Amino acid sequence: MLISKKDLLIETGISYGQLYRWKREKLIPEDWFLKQPSYTGQETFFPRQKILNRVEVIQEMKAKYCLEDLAKILSPEVVERTFTTDDLEIISEISKGLIPTFINVFDKEIFSYTEVLMMIAISEFKKESDASLRKISDLVLGIKEYCNKIKMTNYILVLFDKSNDFYATLYQENTEVFIDSRINIIKKIRLDDISNNIKLKYEKYFNFIADNKTIEEPK
């Protein structure tokens, strides 16, 4: 669903100047500015939920960070920080009961940022389903090889079941994907949403790295 520039400014209370300054500062990706024909010529639209979420985050954090550092925090690129098993215990969005399963299936004790996002997504799914640990293990096994291939967070994880087994697929946002209508889609999860949430929530615990620079708590 899209929102027009005019409606965005009204709904969020930001000005035209703020919007385009944030674009210049790379707080809002340029490819979110979608030009579409209208009866007046051309009008700018945005992916509605993405832009509303982003504006809310910017408004919450702009008093705390300079725009340059804020742009790094909101970068869609996967940060280079790795996570230990102790780190997993800190992240409350990861189900503590699933941590041994994640460690066993990934077969390691140091995890990438993408793998952590997947753990959070699957933990969220587990809370809403009666999936057994074996089925969760099979689900993680099916997607684990793709985690290190994903270098951006702008992916959607789709979870579905077939014959009482659970499967997943991943695709980039703004990509048209047609899934067999006979398959029962259980949940769609935006990795960008998870990423933004944990960067904000756990900024006191983790130093995220972007462009080879550490983003530190402002003094």
N, C-alpha and C. Protein backbone atom coordinates (compact mmCIF):
# COMPACT_ATOMS: atom_id res chain seq x y z
N MET A 1 0.84 -1.18 0.00
CA MET A 1 0.00 0.00 0.00
C MET A 1 0.88 1.24 0.00
N LEU A 2 0.49 2.25 -0.78
CA LEU A 2 1.27 3.47 -0.90
C LEU A 2 0.60 4.63 -0.19
N ILE A 3 1.41 5.66 0.12
CA ILE A 3 0.88 6.90 0.67
C ILE A 3 1.48 8.04 -0.14
N SER A 4 0.67 9.04 -0.46
CA SER A 4 1.17 10.16 -1.24
C SER A 4 2.03 11.07 -0.36
N LYS A 5 2.87 11.87 -1.01
CA LYS A 5 3.71 12.81 -0.26
C LYS A 5 2.85 13.77 0.54
N LYS A 6 1.80 14.27 -0.05
CA LYS A 6 0.92 15.21 0.64
C LYS A 6 0.33 14.59 1.90
N ASP A 7 -0.19 13.36 1.77
CA ASP A 7 -0.79 12.70 2.93
C ASP A 7 0.26 12.35 3.98
N LEU A 8 1.47 12.03 3.53
CA LEU A 8 2.56 11.73 4.47
C LEU A 8 2.87 12.95 5.33
N LEU A 9 2.99 14.11 4.70
CA LEU A 9 3.30 15.33 5.44
C LEU A 9 2.20 15.67 6.43
N ILE A 10 0.95 15.47 6.03
CA ILE A 10 -0.18 15.76 6.91
C ILE A 10 -0.20 14.78 8.09
N GLU A 11 -0.03 13.50 7.80
CA GLU A 11 -0.16 12.46 8.83
C GLU A 11 0.97 12.53 9.85
N THR A 12 2.18 12.86 9.41
CA THR A 12 3.34 12.85 10.31
C THR A 12 3.66 14.22 10.90
N GLY A 13 3.16 15.28 10.26
CA GLY A 13 3.45 16.62 10.75
C GLY A 13 4.82 17.15 10.36
N ILE A 14 5.54 16.44 9.50
CA ILE A 14 6.85 16.93 9.07
C ILE A 14 6.67 17.88 7.88
N SER A 15 7.69 18.65 7.60
CA SER A 15 7.62 19.60 6.50
C SER A 15 8.24 19.03 5.23
N TYR A 16 7.96 19.67 4.12
CA TYR A 16 8.56 19.31 2.84
C TYR A 16 10.08 19.38 2.95
N GLY A 17 10.57 20.43 3.59
CA GLY A 17 12.01 20.61 3.73
C GLY A 17 12.66 19.51 4.54
N GLN A 18 12.01 19.10 5.65
CA GLN A 18 12.54 18.00 6.47
C GLN A 18 12.63 16.71 5.66
N LEU A 19 11.56 16.42 4.94
CA LEU A 19 11.50 15.19 4.16
C LEU A 19 12.68 15.10 3.19
N TYR A 20 12.93 16.18 2.47
CA TYR A 20 13.99 16.13 1.46
C TYR A 20 15.38 16.30 2.06
N ARG A 21 15.45 16.90 3.23
CA ARG A 21 16.75 16.92 3.92
C ARG A 21 17.10 15.50 4.37
N TRP A 22 16.12 14.79 4.92
CA TRP A 22 16.36 13.41 5.35
C TRP A 22 16.73 12.53 4.16
N LYS A 23 16.17 12.83 3.01
CA LYS A 23 16.55 12.10 1.81
C LYS A 23 18.00 12.37 1.47
N ARG A 24 18.42 13.66 1.48
CA ARG A 24 19.80 14.02 1.16
C ARG A 24 20.78 13.41 2.15
N GLU A 25 20.35 13.30 3.42
CA GLU A 25 21.22 12.75 4.46
C GLU A 25 21.17 11.22 4.48
N LYS A 26 20.42 10.64 3.54
CA LYS A 26 20.30 9.18 3.39
C LYS A 26 19.61 8.51 4.58
N LEU A 27 18.76 9.28 5.27
CA LEU A 27 17.94 8.69 6.32
C LEU A 27 16.74 7.97 5.71
N ILE A 28 16.32 8.42 4.54
CA ILE A 28 15.23 7.77 3.81
C ILE A 28 15.79 7.36 2.44
N PRO A 29 15.72 6.07 2.10
CA PRO A 29 16.27 5.62 0.83
C PRO A 29 15.63 6.30 -0.37
N GLU A 30 16.44 6.62 -1.34
CA GLU A 30 15.94 7.32 -2.52
C GLU A 30 14.92 6.48 -3.27
N ASP A 31 15.09 5.14 -3.24
CA ASP A 31 14.16 4.31 -4.01
C ASP A 31 12.78 4.19 -3.35
N TRP A 32 12.60 4.83 -2.18
CA TRP A 32 11.26 4.89 -1.57
C TRP A 32 10.44 6.02 -2.18
N PHE A 33 11.08 6.95 -2.90
CA PHE A 33 10.38 8.06 -3.54
C PHE A 33 9.90 7.58 -4.91
N LEU A 34 8.66 7.23 -4.99
CA LEU A 34 8.11 6.60 -6.20
C LEU A 34 7.29 7.61 -6.99
N LYS A 35 7.72 7.89 -8.19
CA LYS A 35 7.00 8.81 -9.06
C LYS A 35 5.92 8.06 -9.83
N GLN A 36 4.69 8.57 -9.74
CA GLN A 36 3.59 7.95 -10.46
C GLN A 36 2.76 9.02 -11.14
N PRO A 37 2.22 8.71 -12.33
CA PRO A 37 1.40 9.71 -13.04
C PRO A 37 0.12 10.01 -12.28
N SER A 38 -0.29 11.27 -12.33
CA SER A 38 -1.56 11.68 -11.73
C SER A 38 -2.21 12.70 -12.65
N TYR A 39 -3.40 13.12 -12.29
CA TYR A 39 -4.11 14.06 -13.17
C TYR A 39 -3.41 15.42 -13.23
N THR A 40 -2.51 15.70 -12.27
CA THR A 40 -1.77 16.96 -12.29
C THR A 40 -0.40 16.82 -12.96
N GLY A 41 -0.07 15.61 -13.36
CA GLY A 41 1.24 15.36 -13.99
C GLY A 41 1.90 14.16 -13.36
N GLN A 42 2.76 14.40 -12.35
CA GLN A 42 3.38 13.33 -11.60
C GLN A 42 3.28 13.62 -10.11
N GLU A 43 3.12 12.57 -9.33
CA GLU A 43 3.04 12.73 -7.89
C GLU A 43 3.96 11.72 -7.23
N THR A 44 4.51 12.10 -6.08
CA THR A 44 5.42 11.21 -5.35
C THR A 44 4.65 10.40 -4.32
N PHE A 45 4.90 9.10 -4.33
CA PHE A 45 4.30 8.19 -3.36
C PHE A 45 5.42 7.44 -2.64
N PHE A 46 5.05 6.83 -1.50
CA PHE A 46 5.99 6.05 -0.70
C PHE A 46 5.34 4.74 -0.26
N PRO A 47 6.16 3.69 -0.01
CA PRO A 47 5.60 2.49 0.64
C PRO A 47 5.08 2.91 2.02
N ARG A 48 3.79 2.81 2.22
CA ARG A 48 3.15 3.44 3.37
C ARG A 48 3.76 3.04 4.71
N GLN A 49 3.77 1.75 5.02
CA GLN A 49 4.19 1.33 6.35
C GLN A 49 5.68 1.58 6.57
N LYS A 50 6.47 1.39 5.53
CA LYS A 50 7.92 1.59 5.66
C LYS A 50 8.24 3.05 5.96
N ILE A 51 7.62 3.97 5.23
CA ILE A 51 7.94 5.38 5.43
C ILE A 51 7.40 5.89 6.76
N LEU A 52 6.22 5.42 7.18
CA LEU A 52 5.67 5.85 8.47
C LEU A 52 6.54 5.34 9.62
N ASN A 53 7.01 4.08 9.51
CA ASN A 53 7.90 3.53 10.53
C ASN A 53 9.20 4.32 10.59
N ARG A 54 9.75 4.65 9.41
CA ARG A 54 11.03 5.35 9.35
C ARG A 54 10.92 6.76 9.93
N VAL A 55 9.86 7.48 9.58
CA VAL A 55 9.68 8.84 10.10
C VAL A 55 9.55 8.80 11.63
N GLU A 56 8.81 7.82 12.14
CA GLU A 56 8.65 7.70 13.59
C GLU A 56 9.99 7.48 14.28
N VAL A 57 10.82 6.60 13.71
CA VAL A 57 12.14 6.32 14.27
C VAL A 57 13.02 7.57 14.23
N ILE A 58 13.03 8.27 13.11
CA ILE A 58 13.85 9.49 12.98
C ILE A 58 13.42 10.53 14.01
N GLN A 59 12.13 10.72 14.17
CA GLN A 59 11.64 11.70 15.12
C GLN A 59 12.01 11.33 16.56
N GLU A 60 12.03 10.04 16.86
CA GLU A 60 12.37 9.59 18.21
C GLU A 60 13.86 9.78 18.50
N MET A 61 14.72 9.66 17.47
CA MET A 61 16.16 9.59 17.69
C MET A 61 16.94 10.83 17.28
N LYS A 62 16.32 11.76 16.58
CA LYS A 62 17.09 12.88 16.02
C LYS A 62 17.64 13.80 17.10
N ALA A 63 17.03 13.81 18.29
CA ALA A 63 17.56 14.64 19.37
C ALA A 63 18.75 13.96 20.06
N LYS A 64 18.90 12.68 19.82
CA LYS A 64 19.93 11.90 20.51
C LYS A 64 21.17 11.70 19.65
N TYR A 65 20.97 11.65 18.34
CA TYR A 65 22.07 11.40 17.41
C TYR A 65 22.14 12.51 16.37
N CYS A 66 23.34 12.78 15.88
CA CYS A 66 23.45 13.66 14.72
C CYS A 66 22.94 12.88 13.51
N LEU A 67 22.57 13.59 12.45
CA LEU A 67 21.98 12.94 11.28
C LEU A 67 22.94 11.96 10.63
N GLU A 68 24.24 12.26 10.67
CA GLU A 68 25.22 11.35 10.06
C GLU A 68 25.23 10.00 10.76
N ASP A 69 25.25 10.02 12.10
CA ASP A 69 25.24 8.76 12.85
C ASP A 69 23.90 8.05 12.72
N LEU A 70 22.84 8.83 12.69
CA LEU A 70 21.51 8.24 12.55
C LEU A 70 21.38 7.53 11.21
N ALA A 71 21.98 8.10 10.16
CA ALA A 71 21.94 7.46 8.84
C ALA A 71 22.65 6.12 8.89
N LYS A 72 23.72 6.01 9.67
CA LYS A 72 24.43 4.73 9.79
C LYS A 72 23.58 3.70 10.52
N ILE A 73 22.92 4.15 11.57
CA ILE A 73 22.07 3.23 12.34
C ILE A 73 20.94 2.68 11.47
N LEU A 74 20.37 3.56 10.63
CA LEU A 74 19.23 3.16 9.82
C LEU A 74 19.63 2.56 8.48
N SER A 75 20.91 2.41 8.25
CA SER A 75 21.37 1.84 7.00
C SER A 75 20.76 0.47 6.78
N PRO A 76 20.27 0.18 5.56
CA PRO A 76 19.70 -1.13 5.29
C PRO A 76 20.75 -2.23 5.16
N GLU A 77 22.04 -1.84 5.12
CA GLU A 77 23.08 -2.85 4.99
C GLU A 77 23.20 -3.62 6.29
N VAL A 78 23.46 -4.90 6.17
CA VAL A 78 23.63 -5.73 7.35
C VAL A 78 24.91 -5.30 8.07
N VAL A 79 24.80 -5.00 9.36
CA VAL A 79 25.98 -4.62 10.12
C VAL A 79 26.90 -5.82 10.26
N GLU A 80 28.18 -5.51 10.50
CA GLU A 80 29.19 -6.57 10.50
C GLU A 80 29.38 -7.22 11.87
N ARG A 81 28.68 -6.75 12.87
CA ARG A 81 28.88 -7.30 14.20
C ARG A 81 28.42 -8.75 14.27
N THR A 82 29.16 -9.57 15.00
CA THR A 82 28.74 -10.95 15.24
C THR A 82 28.22 -11.05 16.67
N PHE A 83 27.52 -12.14 16.94
CA PHE A 83 26.86 -12.33 18.24
C PHE A 83 27.26 -13.67 18.83
N THR A 84 27.52 -13.69 20.12
CA THR A 84 27.86 -14.92 20.83
C THR A 84 26.60 -15.53 21.44
N THR A 85 26.76 -16.71 21.99
CA THR A 85 25.63 -17.35 22.67
C THR A 85 25.19 -16.52 23.87
N ASP A 86 26.12 -15.84 24.53
CA ASP A 86 25.75 -14.96 25.64
C ASP A 86 24.92 -13.78 25.14
N ASP A 87 25.26 -13.27 23.96
CA ASP A 87 24.48 -12.18 23.37
C ASP A 87 23.04 -12.61 23.12
N LEU A 88 22.86 -13.84 22.68
CA LEU A 88 21.51 -14.34 22.39
C LEU A 88 20.63 -14.29 23.65
N GLU A 89 21.24 -14.53 24.80
CA GLU A 89 20.49 -14.51 26.05
C GLU A 89 19.98 -13.11 26.38
N ILE A 90 20.70 -12.08 25.92
CA ILE A 90 20.32 -10.70 26.19
C ILE A 90 19.10 -10.28 25.38
N ILE A 91 18.99 -10.83 24.16
CA ILE A 91 17.93 -10.42 23.24
C ILE A 91 16.64 -11.15 23.61
N SER A 92 15.74 -10.44 24.26
CA SER A 92 14.53 -11.08 24.78
C SER A 92 13.60 -11.58 23.68
N GLU A 93 13.74 -11.03 22.47
CA GLU A 93 12.90 -11.48 21.36
C GLU A 93 13.26 -12.88 20.89
N ILE A 94 14.42 -13.37 21.27
CA ILE A 94 14.81 -14.74 20.95
C ILE A 94 14.34 -15.65 22.08
N SER A 95 13.52 -16.62 21.75
CA SER A 95 13.00 -17.54 22.76
C SER A 95 14.13 -18.31 23.42
N LYS A 96 14.20 -18.23 24.75
CA LYS A 96 15.28 -18.92 25.48
C LYS A 96 15.20 -20.43 25.27
N GLY A 97 13.96 -20.93 25.12
CA GLY A 97 13.82 -22.37 24.90
C GLY A 97 14.30 -22.83 23.54
N LEU A 98 14.45 -21.88 22.60
CA LEU A 98 14.89 -22.25 21.25
C LEU A 98 16.40 -22.07 21.05
N ILE A 99 17.06 -21.38 21.98
CA ILE A 99 18.49 -21.12 21.80
C ILE A 99 19.30 -22.42 21.60
N PRO A 100 19.09 -23.47 22.42
CA PRO A 100 19.85 -24.72 22.17
C PRO A 100 19.59 -25.29 20.77
N THR A 101 18.35 -25.15 20.29
CA THR A 101 18.02 -25.64 18.95
C THR A 101 18.78 -24.83 17.90
N PHE A 102 18.81 -23.50 18.04
CA PHE A 102 19.54 -22.65 17.09
C PHE A 102 21.03 -23.00 17.08
N ILE A 103 21.60 -23.18 18.27
CA ILE A 103 23.03 -23.51 18.36
C ILE A 103 23.31 -24.84 17.69
N ASN A 104 22.42 -25.79 17.93
CA ASN A 104 22.61 -27.13 17.37
C ASN A 104 22.48 -27.14 15.84
N VAL A 105 21.47 -26.46 15.31
CA VAL A 105 21.24 -26.48 13.86
C VAL A 105 22.29 -25.65 13.12
N PHE A 106 22.60 -24.46 13.64
CA PHE A 106 23.63 -23.65 12.98
C PHE A 106 25.02 -24.24 13.20
N ASP A 107 25.13 -25.09 14.21
CA ASP A 107 26.37 -25.83 14.50
C ASP A 107 27.55 -24.88 14.73
N LYS A 108 27.33 -23.86 15.55
CA LYS A 108 28.40 -22.93 15.91
C LYS A 108 27.94 -22.11 17.10
N GLU A 109 28.84 -21.26 17.61
CA GLU A 109 28.51 -20.44 18.77
C GLU A 109 28.74 -18.96 18.51
N ILE A 110 29.08 -18.62 17.29
CA ILE A 110 29.21 -17.22 16.86
C ILE A 110 28.27 -17.04 15.67
N PHE A 111 27.40 -16.02 15.74
CA PHE A 111 26.34 -15.89 14.74
C PHE A 111 26.38 -14.54 14.04
N SER A 112 25.96 -14.55 12.79
CA SER A 112 25.90 -13.31 12.02
C SER A 112 24.64 -12.53 12.38
N TYR A 113 24.61 -11.29 11.96
CA TYR A 113 23.45 -10.42 12.21
C TYR A 113 22.19 -11.02 11.55
N THR A 114 22.34 -11.50 10.33
CA THR A 114 21.19 -12.09 9.63
C THR A 114 20.66 -13.31 10.38
N GLU A 115 21.56 -14.13 10.89
CA GLU A 115 21.13 -15.31 11.64
C GLU A 115 20.35 -14.91 12.89
N VAL A 116 20.77 -13.83 13.54
CA VAL A 116 20.04 -13.35 14.71
C VAL A 116 18.64 -12.87 14.32
N LEU A 117 18.54 -12.16 13.19
CA LEU A 117 17.22 -11.73 12.71
C LEU A 117 16.32 -12.93 12.47
N MET A 118 16.87 -13.99 11.89
CA MET A 118 16.09 -15.20 11.63
C MET A 118 15.64 -15.84 12.93
N MET A 119 16.53 -15.85 13.93
CA MET A 119 16.15 -16.43 15.23
C MET A 119 14.98 -15.67 15.84
N ILE A 120 15.02 -14.35 15.72
CA ILE A 120 13.93 -13.54 16.27
C ILE A 120 12.63 -13.83 15.51
N ALA A 121 12.72 -13.89 14.19
CA ALA A 121 11.53 -14.15 13.38
C ALA A 121 10.93 -15.51 13.72
N ILE A 122 11.77 -16.51 13.84
CA ILE A 122 11.27 -17.87 14.12
C ILE A 122 10.76 -17.97 15.55
N SER A 123 11.37 -17.24 16.47
CA SER A 123 10.87 -17.20 17.85
C SER A 123 9.47 -16.59 17.89
N GLU A 124 9.28 -15.54 17.09
CA GLU A 124 7.96 -14.90 17.00
C GLU A 124 6.93 -15.88 16.45
N PHE A 125 7.32 -16.63 15.43
CA PHE A 125 6.45 -17.64 14.84
C PHE A 125 6.10 -18.73 15.87
N LYS A 126 7.10 -19.17 16.64
CA LYS A 126 6.89 -20.24 17.62
C LYS A 126 5.87 -19.83 18.68
N LYS A 127 5.87 -18.55 19.08
CA LYS A 127 4.92 -18.09 20.08
C LYS A 127 3.48 -18.19 19.60
N GLU A 128 3.30 -18.13 18.28
CA GLU A 128 1.96 -18.11 17.71
C GLU A 128 1.53 -19.47 17.16
N SER A 129 2.38 -20.46 17.30
CA SER A 129 2.06 -21.78 16.72
C SER A 129 2.34 -22.87 17.74
N ASP A 130 1.90 -24.07 17.40
CA ASP A 130 2.19 -25.22 18.25
C ASP A 130 3.29 -26.08 17.65
N ALA A 131 4.17 -25.47 16.86
CA ALA A 131 5.24 -26.21 16.20
C ALA A 131 6.16 -26.84 17.24
N SER A 132 6.49 -28.10 17.02
CA SER A 132 7.39 -28.81 17.93
C SER A 132 8.83 -28.35 17.70
N LEU A 133 9.70 -28.68 18.65
CA LEU A 133 11.11 -28.33 18.49
C LEU A 133 11.71 -29.01 17.27
N ARG A 134 11.27 -30.21 16.98
CA ARG A 134 11.80 -30.91 15.80
C ARG A 134 11.42 -30.16 14.53
N LYS A 135 10.18 -29.68 14.46
CA LYS A 135 9.75 -28.97 13.26
C LYS A 135 10.43 -27.60 13.15
N ILE A 136 10.65 -26.96 14.29
CA ILE A 136 11.41 -25.70 14.28
C ILE A 136 12.84 -25.97 13.80
N SER A 137 13.41 -27.04 14.27
CA SER A 137 14.77 -27.42 13.85
C SER A 137 14.83 -27.65 12.34
N ASP A 138 13.84 -28.34 11.81
CA ASP A 138 13.79 -28.59 10.36
C ASP A 138 13.64 -27.29 9.59
N LEU A 139 12.84 -26.38 10.13
CA LEU A 139 12.62 -25.08 9.48
C LEU A 139 13.92 -24.29 9.41
N VAL A 140 14.63 -24.23 10.52
CA VAL A 140 15.92 -23.50 10.55
C VAL A 140 16.92 -24.15 9.60
N LEU A 141 16.93 -25.48 9.59
CA LEU A 141 17.84 -26.21 8.71
C LEU A 141 17.59 -25.85 7.24
N GLY A 142 16.32 -25.62 6.90
CA GLY A 142 15.97 -25.33 5.52
C GLY A 142 16.41 -23.96 5.04
N ILE A 143 16.60 -23.00 5.97
CA ILE A 143 16.96 -21.64 5.55
C ILE A 143 18.37 -21.23 5.95
N LYS A 144 19.04 -22.04 6.75
CA LYS A 144 20.30 -21.57 7.34
C LYS A 144 21.37 -21.26 6.29
N GLU A 145 21.41 -22.01 5.19
CA GLU A 145 22.46 -21.79 4.20
C GLU A 145 22.31 -20.45 3.47
N TYR A 146 21.10 -19.87 3.53
CA TYR A 146 20.87 -18.61 2.83
C TYR A 146 21.24 -17.38 3.68
N CYS A 147 21.35 -17.58 5.00
CA CYS A 147 21.57 -16.44 5.89
C CYS A 147 22.83 -15.66 5.54
N ASN A 148 23.92 -16.34 5.25
CA ASN A 148 25.16 -15.65 4.96
C ASN A 148 25.20 -15.07 3.55
N LYS A 149 24.22 -15.42 2.72
CA LYS A 149 24.15 -14.87 1.37
C LYS A 149 23.39 -13.54 1.35
N ILE A 150 22.63 -13.28 2.40
CA ILE A 150 21.82 -12.07 2.47
C ILE A 150 22.67 -10.93 3.04
N LYS A 151 22.88 -9.89 2.25
CA LYS A 151 23.72 -8.77 2.67
C LYS A 151 22.91 -7.51 2.97
N MET A 152 21.61 -7.61 2.89
CA MET A 152 20.73 -6.48 3.19
C MET A 152 19.61 -7.00 4.08
N THR A 153 18.94 -6.07 4.75
CA THR A 153 17.83 -6.49 5.61
C THR A 153 16.46 -6.31 4.94
N ASN A 154 16.46 -5.86 3.70
CA ASN A 154 15.17 -5.58 3.03
C ASN A 154 14.58 -6.85 2.40
N TYR A 155 14.44 -7.87 3.24
CA TYR A 155 13.85 -9.13 2.80
C TYR A 155 12.59 -9.42 3.61
N ILE A 156 11.72 -10.20 3.03
CA ILE A 156 10.52 -10.67 3.72
C ILE A 156 10.63 -12.19 3.87
N LEU A 157 10.43 -12.65 5.09
CA LEU A 157 10.42 -14.08 5.38
C LEU A 157 8.97 -14.54 5.39
N VAL A 158 8.65 -15.50 4.53
CA VAL A 158 7.30 -16.04 4.46
C VAL A 158 7.31 -17.46 5.02
N LEU A 159 6.47 -17.70 5.99
CA LEU A 159 6.37 -19.03 6.61
C LEU A 159 5.04 -19.65 6.21
N PHE A 160 5.09 -20.91 5.83
CA PHE A 160 3.85 -21.59 5.44
C PHE A 160 3.93 -23.07 5.82
N ASP A 161 2.78 -23.68 5.83
CA ASP A 161 2.77 -25.11 6.14
C ASP A 161 2.16 -25.90 4.99
N LYS A 162 2.63 -27.12 4.87
CA LYS A 162 2.12 -28.05 3.87
C LYS A 162 2.14 -29.43 4.49
N SER A 163 0.97 -30.03 4.56
CA SER A 163 0.84 -31.36 5.16
C SER A 163 1.39 -31.39 6.57
N ASN A 164 1.12 -30.30 7.32
CA ASN A 164 1.52 -30.18 8.72
C ASN A 164 3.03 -30.12 8.94
N ASP A 165 3.76 -29.75 7.91
CA ASP A 165 5.18 -29.44 8.05
C ASP A 165 5.36 -27.97 7.69
N PHE A 166 6.41 -27.35 8.24
CA PHE A 166 6.60 -25.92 8.06
C PHE A 166 7.77 -25.64 7.11
N TYR A 167 7.57 -24.64 6.25
CA TYR A 167 8.57 -24.26 5.25
C TYR A 167 8.68 -22.75 5.21
N ALA A 168 9.73 -22.28 4.55
CA ALA A 168 9.93 -20.83 4.47
C ALA A 168 10.47 -20.45 3.11
N THR A 169 10.23 -19.20 2.74
CA THR A 169 10.86 -18.63 1.56
C THR A 169 11.24 -17.20 1.89
N LEU A 170 12.26 -16.68 1.21
CA LEU A 170 12.74 -15.32 1.42
C LEU A 170 12.75 -14.59 0.10
N TYR A 171 12.28 -13.36 0.10
CA TYR A 171 12.39 -12.56 -1.12
C TYR A 171 12.55 -11.09 -0.76
N GLN A 172 13.20 -10.34 -1.64
CA GLN A 172 13.42 -8.93 -1.39
C GLN A 172 12.12 -8.14 -1.53
N GLU A 173 12.01 -7.11 -0.70
CA GLU A 173 10.84 -6.25 -0.79
C GLU A 173 10.76 -5.59 -2.17
N ASN A 174 9.55 -5.19 -2.52
CA ASN A 174 9.28 -4.58 -3.82
C ASN A 174 9.55 -5.53 -4.98
N THR A 175 9.59 -6.83 -4.68
CA THR A 175 9.71 -7.86 -5.70
C THR A 175 8.37 -8.60 -5.78
N GLU A 176 7.86 -8.75 -6.97
CA GLU A 176 6.58 -9.44 -7.13
C GLU A 176 6.82 -10.94 -7.08
N VAL A 177 6.22 -11.58 -6.11
CA VAL A 177 6.40 -13.02 -5.91
C VAL A 177 5.02 -13.67 -5.88
N PHE A 178 4.87 -14.74 -6.65
CA PHE A 178 3.60 -15.47 -6.66
C PHE A 178 3.83 -16.84 -6.03
N ILE A 179 3.10 -17.10 -4.96
CA ILE A 179 3.23 -18.36 -4.24
C ILE A 179 2.00 -19.21 -4.51
N ASP A 180 2.21 -20.47 -4.75
CA ASP A 180 1.14 -21.41 -5.05
C ASP A 180 -0.02 -21.20 -4.07
N SER A 181 -1.20 -20.94 -4.60
CA SER A 181 -2.37 -20.63 -3.76
C SER A 181 -2.82 -21.83 -2.92
N ARG A 182 -2.34 -23.02 -3.25
CA ARG A 182 -2.70 -24.20 -2.46
C ARG A 182 -1.92 -24.28 -1.16
N ILE A 183 -0.88 -23.45 -1.04
CA ILE A 183 -0.06 -23.44 0.16
C ILE A 183 -0.64 -22.47 1.18
N ASN A 184 -0.71 -22.91 2.41
CA ASN A 184 -1.26 -22.09 3.48
C ASN A 184 -0.17 -21.20 4.08
N ILE A 185 -0.21 -19.90 3.75
CA ILE A 185 0.77 -18.97 4.30
C ILE A 185 0.37 -18.63 5.73
N ILE A 186 1.31 -18.84 6.65
CA ILE A 186 1.03 -18.62 8.07
C ILE A 186 1.41 -17.20 8.49
N LYS A 187 2.56 -16.74 8.01
CA LYS A 187 3.06 -15.45 8.50
C LYS A 187 4.06 -14.86 7.52
N LYS A 188 4.03 -13.52 7.40
CA LYS A 188 5.04 -12.79 6.65
C LYS A 188 5.73 -11.84 7.62
N ILE A 189 7.06 -11.86 7.62
CA ILE A 189 7.83 -11.06 8.57
C ILE A 189 8.85 -10.22 7.82
N ARG A 190 8.83 -8.90 8.04
CA ARG A 190 9.81 -8.00 7.42
C ARG A 190 11.08 -7.97 8.28
N LEU A 191 12.20 -8.35 7.69
CA LEU A 191 13.45 -8.32 8.43
C LEU A 191 13.85 -6.89 8.78
N ASP A 192 13.49 -5.92 7.93
CA ASP A 192 13.78 -4.52 8.24
C ASP A 192 13.14 -4.10 9.56
N ASP A 193 11.91 -4.53 9.80
CA ASP A 193 11.22 -4.17 11.04
C ASP A 193 11.97 -4.72 12.25
N ILE A 194 12.37 -5.98 12.15
CA ILE A 194 13.11 -6.60 13.25
C ILE A 194 14.43 -5.88 13.46
N SER A 195 15.13 -5.61 12.37
CA SER A 195 16.43 -4.95 12.45
C SER A 195 16.34 -3.59 13.11
N ASN A 196 15.40 -2.77 12.67
CA ASN A 196 15.25 -1.43 13.26
C ASN A 196 14.91 -1.52 14.75
N ASN A 197 14.06 -2.46 15.10
CA ASN A 197 13.64 -2.59 16.49
C ASN A 197 14.81 -2.96 17.41
N ILE A 198 15.63 -3.93 16.98
CA ILE A 198 16.70 -4.36 17.88
C ILE A 198 17.84 -3.35 17.91
N LYS A 199 18.05 -2.62 16.82
CA LYS A 199 19.08 -1.57 16.86
C LYS A 199 18.70 -0.49 17.86
N LEU A 200 17.43 -0.17 17.91
CA LEU A 200 16.97 0.85 18.85
C LEU A 200 16.95 0.31 20.28
N LYS A 201 16.42 -0.88 20.46
CA LYS A 201 16.21 -1.41 21.80
C LYS A 201 17.52 -1.76 22.49
N TYR A 202 18.49 -2.28 21.71
CA TYR A 202 19.70 -2.80 22.33
C TYR A 202 20.94 -1.94 22.06
N GLU A 203 20.72 -0.66 21.80
CA GLU A 203 21.85 0.22 21.52
C GLU A 203 22.78 0.33 22.72
N LYS A 204 22.27 0.13 23.93
CA LYS A 204 23.12 0.21 25.13
C LYS A 204 23.96 -1.05 25.32
N TYR A 205 23.55 -2.14 24.70
CA TYR A 205 24.25 -3.41 24.87
C TYR A 205 25.25 -3.70 23.76
N PHE A 206 24.90 -3.31 22.53
CA PHE A 206 25.72 -3.68 21.39
C PHE A 206 26.22 -2.45 20.65
N ASN A 207 27.45 -2.49 20.24
CA ASN A 207 28.00 -1.46 19.37
C ASN A 207 27.90 -1.96 17.93
N PHE A 208 26.94 -1.44 17.20
CA PHE A 208 26.77 -1.86 15.82
C PHE A 208 27.80 -1.16 14.95
N ILE A 209 28.26 -1.84 13.92
CA ILE A 209 29.30 -1.31 13.04
C ILE A 209 28.74 -1.10 11.65
N ALA A 210 28.93 0.07 11.13
CA ALA A 210 28.52 0.37 9.76
C ALA A 210 29.65 1.13 9.09
N ASP A 211 29.96 0.78 7.86
CA ASP A 211 31.04 1.42 7.13
C ASP A 211 32.34 1.40 7.93
N ASN A 212 32.56 0.29 8.67
CA ASN A 212 33.77 0.09 9.44
C ASN A 212 33.96 1.08 10.59
N LYS A 213 32.88 1.74 11.02
CA LYS A 213 32.95 2.67 12.16
C LYS A 213 31.95 2.24 13.20
N THR A 214 32.35 2.33 14.46
CA THR A 214 31.46 1.96 15.55
C THR A 214 30.53 3.12 15.87
N ILE A 215 29.24 2.81 16.00
CA ILE A 215 28.27 3.81 16.39
C ILE A 215 28.15 3.76 17.90
N GLU A 216 28.61 4.80 18.56
CA GLU A 216 28.67 4.80 20.01
C GLU A 216 27.53 5.62 20.60
N GLU A 217 27.22 5.34 21.85
CA GLU A 217 26.22 6.11 22.57
C GLU A 217 26.71 7.55 22.66
N PRO A 218 25.91 8.53 22.28
CA PRO A 218 26.35 9.92 22.36
C PRO A 218 26.58 10.35 23.81
N LYS A 219 27.59 11.19 24.02
CA LYS A 219 27.92 11.62 25.38
C LYS A 219 27.23 12.94 25.69
